[in-house]
Amino acid sequence: MASKKAGRGAHAAQKTYDYIVVGAGSAGAVVAARLSEDPRTSVLLVEAGGSHKHMSVQVPAAFSKQFKTERDWNVLTEPEPHLDGRRIYHPRAKMLGGCSGMNAMIYIRGNRADYDGWAKAGATGWSYDEVLPYFKRAETNSRGADEFHGDQGPQHIQDLRSPSLAVKRLIEAAAATGLARNDDFNGAEQEGTGFYQVTHKRGSRWTTADGYVAPAAKRSNVTVLTDTHVRKVVIADGRAIGIEAEVDGATVLLSCNREVVLSAGALNTPQLLMLSGIGPAEHLAEHGIETIVDNPNVGAHLMDHPMYLVNVETTAKGNLAEAETPKQLLSYLALRRGILTSNVGEGGAFFRTREGLDAPDMQLIFAPGYFWDHGFGTHDKPAVGVGCSLVGSKSRGQVRLRSADPKDQVAVTFNYFAEQDDMDAMVAAVQKVREILAASPVRDLVGTEIHPGAQAQTREELEAEIRRGVEHTYHPSCTARMGTPEEGVVDAELRVHGVTGLRVADASVFPTITHGNTHAPTVLVGEKAADLIRGTE
């Protein structure tokens, strides 16, 4: 890949670009690549991390081995008020491709009601029928093109090469409890149970660095700066004119004559906005930052999907506990098959925990292995895990600055379970999982329940176990959301209120979080943002 490390950044600092994109993740990589398709424009893509070319990135089953490494921002929340004051670890990728190189590779677009709800609330142009062409444009689906899917895009979407017996039986068990079989959660209906499609190509992870950055970096009008920390957006007379960044240990101005696009993610994008003087005036004053635009919505409305893991011991063969054996390593290296091609969350289900909802509020994620404490937990016997991801969560938190130092991590509070409906849904999900695990298709493969454990039977006991053990599904969103200046940070064309020449394109612009994994909707934002910027929307 023809990226330019910080060591070559002095030359880059002397140039003025048409567009500067900050963050090479699931959206930023897309924006930069699409804008650079016009050879008359120059594009600078700036990434705080380095290369994504690591085995723990490429091998699907190894994704959690990246946590707390140099490729991770390694965020720790403030004490969560509804989780007994626990501080929650929240990995965020720091490399080309961003979280598309660190996630569990599940390809879920969300529900039709998400986008129609955005449009109804004022996000003109974001209804489901209007965004579907962007989803199709982005993908090359191994099943081919149809009403819902494309086969010519940069993002490879495939079925798992070596699905596990345990997950196959869990899907059969879920169907036996009344959930309809669904072979395409991104098709006509989201509800039901089945295997997930994944962002793979021939058994290996496929990131936005692979699909978008690598081809774009070969163009003469593209500069990719890695290992470059952006300090703030530089604004003069109400217009973004570039960014201030650390290059080779020096602070430099990287200039642009058209637009700066922030794609640093739902935690770092609001941080950069606030460091640039865009945010709650009182909060900025606390840190000695001059207010350019007083907007209390910056960093507010933070949403995520809390997830609780039910783990049970199993006798099923082909478990992730066998993944690092010589046989499996050889199978992966020689054939790109076997347990190491597992994305861990191979299949699952979407369902409603109560009546009257516009979309399924619960997603189950079936894993052929024990998963606890983000993969750091261990168990002495093989197990299977079922994640209960609350995709219809209502609780909201916030992102705030710790200081005016751009190297300081943000202060994040997700506020999980601030809304009682969220806890009610999670308890209902655990009870549903127990029903599934007792169903005949899987009953002979499962044994002792590890989490929450046989001691948790009453509602009060389940709530207590959930508060002690709940984590999340790695889906922060909505901190620079679309809306009016009174309710949001950007308009429906992703332009930051109160400043010209500045847009945001990442999951922070979601008005509300989507019902499902957030990678695919974030790629959508990147695709649509590029057209909005080019004026081809």
Protein backbone atom coordinates (compact mmCIF):
# COMPACT_ATOMS: atom_id res chain seq x y z
CA MET A 1 0.00 0.00 0.00
CA ALA A 2 1.44 3.36 -1.03
CA SER A 3 0.86 5.04 2.32
CA LYS A 4 3.22 7.68 3.61
CA LYS A 5 4.40 7.35 7.18
CA ALA A 6 4.83 10.30 9.48
CA GLY A 7 8.51 10.27 8.56
CA ARG A 8 7.56 11.67 5.17
CA GLY A 9 5.07 14.08 6.65
CA ALA A 10 7.21 17.23 6.37
CA HIS A 11 6.65 17.22 2.62
CA ALA A 12 2.92 16.62 3.16
CA ALA A 13 2.77 19.57 5.55
CA GLN A 14 3.95 21.91 2.79
CA LYS A 15 1.04 21.06 0.52
CA THR A 16 -2.52 22.23 0.38
CA TYR A 17 -5.11 19.60 -0.41
CA ASP A 18 -8.63 19.86 -1.73
CA TYR A 19 -9.92 17.49 0.95
CA ILE A 20 -8.56 16.25 4.25
CA VAL A 21 -10.17 13.17 5.79
CA VAL A 22 -9.33 12.47 9.44
CA GLY A 23 -9.55 8.77 10.30
CA ALA A 24 -9.14 5.81 7.95
CA GLY A 25 -11.81 3.58 9.48
CA SER A 26 -15.09 2.14 8.30
CA ALA A 27 -16.25 5.51 6.92
CA GLY A 28 -13.12 7.62 6.45
CA ALA A 29 -11.48 5.07 4.18
CA VAL A 30 -14.60 5.12 2.02
CA VAL A 31 -14.82 8.92 1.84
CA ALA A 32 -11.19 9.34 0.86
CA ALA A 33 -11.29 6.58 -1.74
CA ARG A 34 -14.46 7.82 -3.39
CA LEU A 35 -13.36 11.48 -3.46
CA SER A 36 -10.06 10.48 -5.04
CA GLU A 37 -11.87 8.86 -7.97
CA ASP A 38 -11.87 12.36 -9.46
CA PRO A 39 -8.27 12.81 -10.69
CA ARG A 40 -8.68 16.59 -10.58
CA THR A 41 -8.92 16.60 -6.78
CA SER A 42 -6.22 15.98 -4.17
CA VAL A 43 -7.04 14.03 -1.03
CA LEU A 44 -5.14 13.65 2.24
CA LEU A 45 -6.16 10.76 4.48
CA VAL A 46 -4.76 11.01 8.02
CA GLU A 47 -4.69 8.05 10.40
CA ALA A 48 -3.42 8.01 13.99
CA GLY A 49 -2.52 4.32 13.79
CA GLY A 50 -0.41 2.27 11.44
CA SER A 51 -0.75 -0.71 9.16
CA HIS A 52 -3.50 -3.30 9.37
CA LYS A 53 -1.20 -6.01 8.01
CA HIS A 54 -1.03 -8.21 11.09
CA MET A 55 -2.01 -11.87 11.51
CA SER A 56 -4.37 -11.06 14.38
CA VAL A 57 -6.20 -8.73 11.97
CA GLN A 58 -6.27 -11.11 9.03
CA VAL A 59 -7.18 -14.30 10.94
CA PRO A 60 -10.89 -13.93 11.75
CA ALA A 61 -10.96 -15.94 14.98
CA ALA A 62 -8.11 -13.86 16.43
CA PHE A 63 -9.92 -10.52 16.52
CA SER A 64 -9.95 -10.18 20.31
CA LYS A 65 -6.18 -10.72 20.47
CA GLN A 66 -5.84 -7.15 19.20
CA PHE A 67 -7.47 -5.74 22.32
CA LYS A 68 -5.12 -3.73 24.55
CA THR A 69 -2.36 -3.75 21.94
CA GLU A 70 -0.79 -0.87 19.99
CA ARG A 71 -3.71 -1.13 17.56
CA ASP A 72 -6.22 -0.23 20.27
CA TRP A 73 -7.11 3.17 21.75
CA ASN A 74 -7.86 1.12 24.89
CA VAL A 75 -10.67 3.28 26.26
CA LEU A 76 -11.93 2.86 29.81
CA THR A 77 -15.23 4.47 30.74
CA GLU A 78 -16.01 6.55 33.76
CA PRO A 79 -17.68 4.60 36.61
CA GLU A 80 -20.99 3.51 35.12
CA PRO A 81 -23.80 4.65 37.45
CA HIS A 82 -26.15 1.72 36.73
CA LEU A 83 -23.48 -0.98 36.77
CA ASP A 84 -22.47 -0.62 40.41
CA GLY A 85 -19.77 1.88 39.45
CA ARG A 86 -17.87 -0.51 37.19
CA ARG A 87 -15.53 1.03 34.60
CA ILE A 88 -16.02 -0.66 31.24
CA TYR A 89 -13.20 -1.43 28.81
CA HIS A 90 -14.05 -0.27 25.31
CA PRO A 91 -11.62 -1.22 22.51
CA ARG A 92 -11.40 1.14 19.54
CA ALA A 93 -9.17 0.34 16.59
CA LYS A 94 -6.14 2.49 15.80
CA MET A 95 -4.97 1.44 12.32
CA LEU A 96 -5.83 1.67 8.64
CA GLY A 97 -9.33 0.28 8.27
CA GLY A 98 -10.23 1.25 11.81
CA CYS A 99 -12.72 -1.01 13.53
CA SER A 100 -13.34 -2.92 10.30
CA GLY A 101 -10.01 -4.52 11.24
CA MET A 102 -10.96 -5.26 14.86
CA ASN A 103 -14.65 -6.14 14.84
CA ALA A 104 -16.33 -9.56 14.69
CA MET A 105 -17.01 -9.03 10.96
CA ILE A 106 -20.80 -9.51 11.20
CA TYR A 107 -22.46 -7.78 8.26
CA ILE A 108 -25.77 -6.31 9.40
CA ARG A 109 -27.26 -3.16 7.90
CA GLY A 110 -29.91 -2.56 10.52
CA ASN A 111 -33.64 -2.43 10.11
CA ARG A 112 -35.70 -0.60 7.49
CA ALA A 113 -37.39 1.23 10.37
CA ASP A 114 -34.04 2.76 11.40
CA TYR A 115 -33.58 4.71 8.19
CA ASP A 116 -37.24 5.53 7.69
CA GLY A 117 -37.22 6.81 11.27
CA TRP A 118 -34.20 9.01 10.55
CA ALA A 119 -35.90 10.48 7.49
CA LYS A 120 -39.17 11.03 9.33
CA ALA A 121 -37.28 12.91 12.07
CA GLY A 122 -35.79 15.30 9.50
CA ALA A 123 -32.79 13.52 7.95
CA THR A 124 -33.86 14.13 4.38
CA GLY A 125 -32.41 11.63 1.94
CA TRP A 126 -31.75 8.91 4.52
CA SER A 127 -34.86 6.73 4.19
CA TYR A 128 -34.35 3.02 3.60
CA ASP A 129 -35.25 3.18 -0.08
CA GLU A 130 -32.80 6.07 -0.53
CA VAL A 131 -29.85 4.40 1.23
CA LEU A 132 -30.32 0.90 -0.19
CA PRO A 133 -28.44 1.77 -3.43
CA TYR A 134 -25.42 2.77 -1.33
CA PHE A 135 -25.43 -0.53 0.53
CA LYS A 136 -25.56 -2.32 -2.81
CA ARG A 137 -22.83 -0.13 -4.34
CA ALA A 138 -20.48 -0.89 -1.47
CA GLU A 139 -20.62 -4.67 -1.60
CA THR A 140 -19.50 -7.64 -3.59
CA ASN A 141 -21.72 -10.34 -2.17
CA SER A 142 -20.63 -13.90 -2.78
CA ARG A 143 -24.28 -14.84 -3.41
CA GLY A 144 -24.46 -12.41 -6.32
CA ALA A 145 -26.60 -9.36 -7.06
CA ASP A 146 -30.33 -9.18 -6.39
CA GLU A 147 -32.93 -6.72 -5.13
CA PHE A 148 -31.00 -6.18 -1.90
CA HIS A 149 -27.38 -6.91 -2.77
CA GLY A 150 -24.59 -5.86 -5.09
CA ASP A 151 -21.70 -7.75 -6.66
CA GLN A 152 -19.37 -4.99 -7.89
CA GLY A 153 -18.38 -3.13 -4.71
CA PRO A 154 -15.12 -2.79 -2.76
CA GLN A 155 -16.47 -4.59 0.33
CA HIS A 156 -16.47 -8.39 0.17
CA ILE A 157 -19.41 -10.06 1.93
CA GLN A 158 -19.43 -13.84 2.18
CA ASP A 159 -20.91 -16.82 3.94
CA LEU A 160 -18.66 -18.51 6.49
CA ARG A 161 -16.38 -21.11 4.91
CA SER A 162 -16.29 -23.52 7.85
CA PRO A 163 -19.37 -22.97 10.03
CA SER A 164 -19.34 -24.88 13.30
CA LEU A 165 -21.60 -27.72 14.35
CA ALA A 166 -22.40 -25.98 17.63
CA VAL A 167 -23.76 -22.85 15.94
CA LYS A 168 -25.67 -24.92 13.39
CA ARG A 169 -27.41 -26.71 16.23
CA LEU A 170 -28.02 -23.46 18.14
CA ILE A 171 -29.78 -22.07 15.06
CA GLU A 172 -31.89 -25.21 14.85
CA ALA A 173 -32.70 -24.86 18.55
CA ALA A 174 -33.71 -21.22 18.12
CA ALA A 175 -36.01 -22.25 15.28
CA ALA A 176 -37.49 -24.96 17.50
CA THR A 177 -38.49 -22.28 20.02
CA GLY A 178 -40.50 -20.41 17.39
CA LEU A 179 -38.02 -18.12 15.64
CA ALA A 180 -38.35 -18.28 11.87
CA ARG A 181 -35.36 -19.34 9.78
CA ASN A 182 -33.75 -16.39 8.03
CA ASP A 183 -30.94 -16.82 5.51
CA ASP A 184 -30.54 -13.08 4.87
CA PHE A 185 -30.87 -10.62 7.73
CA ASN A 186 -30.21 -7.82 5.21
CA GLY A 187 -33.01 -8.84 2.89
CA ALA A 188 -36.76 -8.43 3.07
CA GLU A 189 -37.00 -9.22 6.80
CA GLN A 190 -34.55 -8.87 9.67
CA GLU A 191 -36.34 -11.04 12.22
CA GLY A 192 -35.53 -14.72 12.62
CA THR A 193 -32.50 -16.99 13.11
CA GLY A 194 -29.64 -18.12 10.91
CA PHE A 195 -25.96 -17.75 10.06
CA TYR A 196 -24.53 -14.27 9.59
CA GLN A 197 -22.75 -13.13 6.48
CA VAL A 198 -19.32 -11.68 7.21
CA THR A 199 -16.78 -9.21 5.83
CA HIS A 200 -14.44 -11.90 4.53
CA LYS A 201 -12.65 -12.71 1.33
CA ARG A 202 -11.69 -16.37 0.89
CA GLY A 203 -11.71 -17.06 4.62
CA SER A 204 -9.76 -13.99 5.76
CA ARG A 205 -10.97 -10.66 7.12
CA TRP A 206 -11.63 -7.97 4.52
CA THR A 207 -11.36 -4.41 5.83
CA THR A 208 -12.01 -0.98 4.37
CA ALA A 209 -8.23 -0.64 4.18
CA ASP A 210 -8.23 -3.62 1.82
CA GLY A 211 -11.24 -2.61 -0.23
CA TYR A 212 -10.94 1.18 -0.32
CA VAL A 213 -7.58 2.50 0.90
CA ALA A 214 -5.28 0.08 -0.93
CA PRO A 215 -6.65 0.87 -4.42
CA ALA A 216 -6.92 4.60 -3.67
CA ALA A 217 -3.35 4.84 -2.34
CA LYS A 218 -2.04 3.89 -5.78
CA ARG A 219 -3.48 7.10 -7.25
CA SER A 220 -1.19 10.07 -7.65
CA ASN A 221 -3.76 12.43 -6.14
CA VAL A 222 -3.91 10.59 -2.78
CA THR A 223 -1.65 10.98 0.24
CA VAL A 224 -2.08 8.64 3.20
CA LEU A 225 -0.39 9.72 6.43
CA THR A 226 -0.23 7.06 9.13
CA ASP A 227 0.98 7.37 12.73
CA THR A 228 -0.18 10.99 12.64
CA HIS A 229 -2.15 12.38 15.58
CA VAL A 230 -4.60 15.16 14.74
CA ARG A 231 -4.84 17.84 17.44
CA LYS A 232 -7.72 19.93 16.13
CA VAL A 233 -9.45 21.43 13.12
CA VAL A 234 -8.14 24.88 12.27
CA ILE A 235 -10.99 27.34 11.76
CA ALA A 236 -10.57 30.87 10.43
CA ASP A 237 -13.46 33.32 9.98
CA GLY A 238 -15.98 30.53 10.47
CA ARG A 239 -14.39 28.19 7.91
CA ALA A 240 -12.33 25.03 8.33
CA ILE A 241 -9.03 25.65 6.55
CA GLY A 242 -7.12 22.56 7.63
CA ILE A 243 -5.99 20.55 10.61
CA GLU A 244 -3.26 20.82 13.20
CA ALA A 245 -1.40 17.53 13.54
CA GLU A 246 1.72 16.01 15.03
CA VAL A 247 4.09 14.97 12.25
CA ASP A 248 7.59 13.70 13.06
CA GLY A 249 7.22 15.04 16.58
CA ALA A 250 6.41 18.56 15.37
CA THR A 251 3.05 20.31 15.27
CA VAL A 252 2.20 21.35 11.72
CA LEU A 253 -0.71 22.81 9.78
CA LEU A 254 -2.08 20.61 7.00
CA SER A 255 -4.17 22.90 4.80
CA CYS A 256 -7.17 22.32 2.57
CA ASN A 257 -9.05 24.58 0.20
CA ARG A 258 -12.36 22.70 0.08
CA GLU A 259 -13.40 20.59 3.07
CA VAL A 260 -12.21 18.78 6.17
CA VAL A 261 -14.09 15.56 6.91
CA LEU A 262 -13.94 14.13 10.43
CA SER A 263 -14.23 10.33 10.44
CA ALA A 264 -12.50 9.62 13.74
CA GLY A 265 -15.36 7.65 15.28
CA ALA A 266 -18.06 8.28 17.84
CA LEU A 267 -15.54 8.90 20.64
CA ASN A 268 -12.73 10.77 18.91
CA THR A 269 -14.80 12.86 16.49
CA PRO A 270 -16.60 14.77 19.29
CA GLN A 271 -13.24 15.12 21.05
CA LEU A 272 -11.77 16.79 17.96
CA LEU A 273 -14.81 19.03 17.56
CA MET A 274 -14.52 20.20 21.16
CA LEU A 275 -10.75 20.70 20.92
CA SER A 276 -11.51 22.86 17.86
CA GLY A 277 -13.94 25.07 19.77
CA ILE A 278 -17.19 23.39 18.72
CA GLY A 279 -19.19 22.07 21.64
CA PRO A 280 -20.81 23.02 24.95
CA ALA A 281 -19.41 26.48 25.76
CA GLU A 282 -19.34 25.97 29.51
CA HIS A 283 -17.49 22.67 29.17
CA LEU A 284 -14.98 24.14 26.72
CA ALA A 285 -14.33 27.05 29.07
CA GLU A 286 -13.48 24.58 31.85
CA HIS A 287 -10.55 23.48 29.73
CA GLY A 288 -9.51 26.92 28.48
CA ILE A 289 -10.79 26.36 24.94
CA GLU A 290 -12.27 29.33 23.12
CA THR A 291 -15.79 28.63 21.90
CA ILE A 292 -16.35 29.07 18.17
CA VAL A 293 -19.74 27.33 18.05
CA ASP A 294 -21.69 26.75 21.26
CA ASN A 295 -23.43 23.41 20.66
CA PRO A 296 -24.29 21.23 23.67
CA ASN A 297 -25.14 18.32 21.37
CA VAL A 298 -21.46 17.65 20.63
CA GLY A 299 -20.58 14.52 22.58
CA ALA A 300 -24.15 14.10 23.85
CA HIS A 301 -26.71 11.39 22.93
CA LEU A 302 -24.10 8.59 23.03
CA MET A 303 -25.72 5.23 22.27
CA ASP A 304 -24.43 1.66 22.23
CA HIS A 305 -25.71 -1.92 22.42
CA PRO A 306 -25.09 -3.46 25.85
CA MET A 307 -24.40 -7.20 25.61
CA TYR A 308 -24.56 -9.96 28.18
CA LEU A 309 -22.91 -13.31 27.48
CA VAL A 310 -24.56 -16.58 28.43
CA ASN A 311 -21.87 -19.28 28.49
CA VAL A 312 -22.48 -23.03 28.85
CA GLU A 313 -20.15 -26.00 28.75
CA THR A 314 -20.37 -28.16 25.63
CA THR A 315 -19.30 -31.50 24.19
CA ALA A 316 -19.47 -30.21 20.61
CA LYS A 317 -16.42 -30.80 18.43
CA GLY A 318 -14.91 -28.03 16.33
CA ASN A 319 -14.88 -25.64 19.27
CA LEU A 320 -12.76 -22.49 19.36
CA ALA A 321 -10.80 -24.10 22.18
CA GLU A 322 -9.16 -26.18 19.39
CA ALA A 323 -8.39 -23.17 17.18
CA GLU A 324 -4.65 -22.91 17.82
CA THR A 325 -3.77 -26.56 17.30
CA PRO A 326 -1.25 -27.39 14.54
CA LYS A 327 -4.00 -29.01 12.49
CA GLN A 328 -6.11 -25.86 12.49
CA LEU A 329 -3.16 -23.56 11.84
CA LEU A 330 -2.20 -25.67 8.81
CA SER A 331 -5.78 -25.72 7.56
CA TYR A 332 -5.95 -21.95 7.72
CA LEU A 333 -2.54 -21.23 6.24
CA ALA A 334 -2.87 -23.76 3.41
CA LEU A 335 -6.56 -23.64 2.58
CA ARG A 336 -8.09 -20.68 4.44
CA ARG A 337 -10.51 -23.12 6.05
CA GLY A 338 -11.16 -24.52 9.51
CA ILE A 339 -11.88 -23.07 12.92
CA LEU A 340 -9.58 -20.07 12.47
CA THR A 341 -11.89 -18.76 9.72
CA SER A 342 -14.62 -18.41 12.34
CA ASN A 343 -15.61 -14.84 13.13
CA VAL A 344 -16.58 -16.16 16.61
CA GLY A 345 -20.12 -14.73 16.36
CA GLU A 346 -21.08 -17.06 13.52
CA GLY A 347 -24.86 -16.95 13.72
CA GLY A 348 -27.73 -15.74 15.81
CA ALA A 349 -31.18 -14.26 15.79
CA PHE A 350 -33.22 -11.08 15.90
CA PHE A 351 -36.48 -10.98 17.86
CA ARG A 352 -38.77 -8.69 19.85
CA THR A 353 -38.75 -9.00 23.63
CA ARG A 354 -42.16 -7.34 23.82
CA GLU A 355 -45.02 -6.36 21.54
CA GLY A 356 -45.48 -3.00 19.87
CA LEU A 357 -41.91 -2.41 18.70
CA ASP A 358 -41.09 -1.12 15.20
CA ALA A 359 -38.12 -3.49 14.92
CA PRO A 360 -36.59 -6.43 16.78
CA ASP A 361 -34.92 -5.05 19.91
CA MET A 362 -32.72 -8.07 20.65
CA GLN A 363 -29.92 -9.72 18.68
CA LEU A 364 -28.48 -13.05 19.74
CA ILE A 365 -24.92 -13.88 18.72
CA PHE A 366 -23.98 -17.58 18.75
CA ALA A 367 -20.29 -18.41 19.30
CA PRO A 368 -18.68 -21.87 19.19
CA GLY A 369 -16.54 -21.06 22.20
CA TYR A 370 -16.33 -19.48 25.63
CA PHE A 371 -16.35 -15.68 25.49
CA TRP A 372 -16.13 -13.51 28.60
CA ASP A 373 -14.46 -10.22 29.50
CA HIS A 374 -13.81 -9.37 25.83
CA GLY A 375 -12.04 -12.68 25.26
CA PHE A 376 -9.63 -12.30 28.20
CA GLY A 377 -11.66 -14.68 30.37
CA THR A 378 -10.83 -18.39 30.37
CA HIS A 379 -12.64 -21.60 31.31
CA ASP A 380 -11.13 -25.05 31.83
CA LYS A 381 -13.68 -26.86 29.66
CA PRO A 382 -15.02 -26.25 26.12
CA ALA A 383 -18.06 -24.00 26.04
CA VAL A 384 -20.41 -22.14 23.74
CA GLY A 385 -21.42 -18.53 24.19
CA VAL A 386 -24.62 -16.72 23.34
CA GLY A 387 -24.41 -12.95 23.34
CA CYS A 388 -27.57 -11.00 24.12
CA SER A 389 -27.04 -7.69 22.30
CA LEU A 390 -29.71 -5.11 23.04
CA VAL A 391 -30.04 -3.51 19.61
CA GLY A 392 -33.14 -1.60 20.68
CA SER A 393 -31.42 0.11 23.60
CA LYS A 394 -32.76 3.46 24.78
CA SER A 395 -30.20 4.61 27.35
CA ARG A 396 -27.88 7.46 26.39
CA GLY A 397 -24.56 8.70 27.67
CA GLN A 398 -21.97 11.31 26.76
CA VAL A 399 -18.41 12.01 25.69
CA ARG A 400 -16.52 14.83 27.40
CA LEU A 401 -12.96 16.12 27.46
CA ARG A 402 -10.63 15.26 30.31
CA SER A 403 -8.39 18.16 29.35
CA ALA A 404 -7.33 20.31 26.41
CA ASP A 405 -4.50 17.87 25.69
CA PRO A 406 -5.34 16.02 22.43
CA LYS A 407 -3.40 13.00 23.71
CA ASP A 408 -5.69 12.60 26.72
CA GLN A 409 -8.44 10.03 26.36
CA VAL A 410 -11.98 11.28 26.47
CA ALA A 411 -14.20 10.86 29.51
CA VAL A 412 -16.95 8.46 28.39
CA THR A 413 -20.10 7.42 30.22
CA PHE A 414 -22.44 5.10 28.33
CA ASN A 415 -25.09 5.07 31.05
CA TYR A 416 -26.13 1.49 30.28
CA PHE A 417 -29.51 0.55 31.82
CA ALA A 418 -30.45 4.11 32.71
CA GLU A 419 -33.78 3.12 31.16
CA GLN A 420 -35.64 0.29 32.89
CA ASP A 421 -36.94 -0.96 29.54
CA ASP A 422 -33.36 -1.87 28.66
CA MET A 423 -32.96 -4.09 31.71
CA ASP A 424 -36.36 -5.66 31.14
CA ALA A 425 -35.34 -6.57 27.60
CA MET A 426 -32.01 -8.05 28.73
CA VAL A 427 -33.66 -10.24 31.36
CA ALA A 428 -36.16 -11.44 28.76
CA ALA A 429 -33.28 -12.25 26.40
CA VAL A 430 -31.43 -14.36 28.99
CA GLN A 431 -34.62 -16.26 29.65
CA LYS A 432 -35.07 -16.82 25.90
CA VAL A 433 -31.49 -18.11 25.60
CA ARG A 434 -32.15 -20.60 28.39
CA GLU A 435 -35.21 -21.77 26.47
CA ILE A 436 -33.09 -22.21 23.33
CA LEU A 437 -30.38 -24.15 25.20
CA ALA A 438 -33.04 -26.51 26.58
CA ALA A 439 -34.48 -27.23 23.11
CA SER A 440 -33.96 -30.70 21.65
CA PRO A 441 -31.60 -29.81 18.73
CA VAL A 442 -28.88 -28.65 21.13
CA ARG A 443 -29.78 -30.21 24.47
CA ASP A 444 -27.36 -33.14 24.09
CA LEU A 445 -24.41 -30.79 23.36
CA VAL A 446 -24.67 -28.45 26.35
CA GLY A 447 -24.05 -28.93 30.05
CA THR A 448 -23.37 -26.70 33.04
CA GLU A 449 -24.34 -23.04 32.69
CA ILE A 450 -21.31 -20.89 33.53
CA HIS A 451 -22.91 -17.46 33.12
CA PRO A 452 -25.18 -16.28 34.61
CA GLY A 453 -25.14 -19.64 36.47
CA ALA A 454 -27.71 -21.82 38.18
CA GLN A 455 -27.76 -19.53 41.23
CA ALA A 456 -29.44 -16.77 39.17
CA GLN A 457 -33.11 -17.74 38.82
CA THR A 458 -35.31 -14.92 40.10
CA ARG A 459 -35.65 -11.65 38.26
CA GLU A 460 -33.69 -9.87 40.99
CA GLU A 461 -30.87 -12.41 40.79
CA LEU A 462 -30.70 -12.11 37.00
CA GLU A 463 -30.62 -8.32 37.15
CA ALA A 464 -27.78 -8.45 39.65
CA GLU A 465 -25.76 -10.86 37.47
CA ILE A 466 -26.37 -8.74 34.39
CA ARG A 467 -25.13 -5.58 36.13
CA ARG A 468 -22.03 -7.45 37.32
CA GLY A 469 -21.16 -9.01 33.97
CA VAL A 470 -22.68 -6.98 31.13
CA GLU A 471 -20.31 -5.47 28.60
CA HIS A 472 -21.27 -4.18 25.15
CA THR A 473 -21.20 -4.92 21.43
CA TYR A 474 -18.58 -2.28 20.50
CA HIS A 475 -21.08 0.03 18.77
CA PRO A 476 -20.70 3.65 20.03
CA SER A 477 -22.80 6.05 17.96
CA CYS A 478 -24.78 9.30 17.79
CA THR A 479 -22.36 11.78 19.43
CA ALA A 480 -22.41 14.20 16.48
CA ARG A 481 -25.84 13.28 15.26
CA MET A 482 -27.85 14.61 12.35
CA GLY A 483 -30.47 17.10 13.42
CA THR A 484 -31.32 20.77 13.65
CA PRO A 485 -28.82 23.10 15.38
CA GLU A 486 -30.99 22.78 18.49
CA GLU A 487 -30.95 18.96 18.46
CA GLY A 488 -27.92 17.84 16.48
CA VAL A 489 -24.40 18.60 15.33
CA VAL A 490 -24.63 18.14 11.56
CA ASP A 491 -27.38 18.64 9.01
CA ALA A 492 -28.71 15.94 6.69
CA GLU A 493 -25.76 16.61 4.34
CA LEU A 494 -23.37 16.00 7.26
CA ARG A 495 -22.23 19.65 7.41
CA VAL A 496 -21.31 20.84 10.90
CA HIS A 497 -23.68 23.55 12.11
CA GLY A 498 -22.04 26.94 12.42
CA VAL A 499 -18.87 26.20 10.41
CA THR A 500 -18.37 25.98 6.66
CA GLY A 501 -16.02 23.52 5.01
CA LEU A 502 -16.39 20.93 7.79
CA ARG A 503 -18.35 17.68 7.73
CA VAL A 504 -18.57 14.54 9.83
CA ALA A 505 -18.83 11.07 8.32
CA ASP A 506 -18.84 8.17 10.77
CA ALA A 507 -21.18 6.46 13.25
CA SER A 508 -21.36 9.61 15.35
CA VAL A 509 -23.82 11.12 12.83
CA PHE A 510 -26.48 8.44 13.37
CA PRO A 511 -29.58 10.22 14.74
CA THR A 512 -30.31 7.02 16.68
CA ILE A 513 -28.37 3.79 16.80
CA THR A 514 -29.30 1.15 14.24
CA HIS A 515 -30.77 -2.22 15.16
CA GLY A 516 -27.70 -4.36 14.59
CA ASN A 517 -23.94 -4.26 14.09
CA THR A 518 -22.75 -0.83 13.06
CA HIS A 519 -19.98 -1.48 10.52
CA ALA A 520 -22.27 -1.70 7.47
CA PRO A 521 -24.22 1.48 8.35
CA THR A 522 -20.93 3.31 8.88
CA VAL A 523 -19.71 2.28 5.43
CA LEU A 524 -23.05 3.57 4.13
CA VAL A 525 -22.34 6.95 5.76
CA GLY A 526 -18.98 7.06 3.99
CA GLU A 527 -20.48 6.20 0.62
CA LYS A 528 -23.25 8.75 0.91
CA ALA A 529 -20.96 11.43 2.36
CA ALA A 530 -18.71 11.21 -0.69
CA ASP A 531 -21.64 11.82 -3.01
CA LEU A 532 -22.88 14.70 -0.87
CA ILE A 533 -19.44 16.32 -0.96
CA ARG A 534 -19.10 15.80 -4.71
CA GLY A 535 -22.57 17.18 -5.26
CA THR A 536 -23.72 14.02 -7.02
CA GLU A 537 -26.32 13.01 -4.44
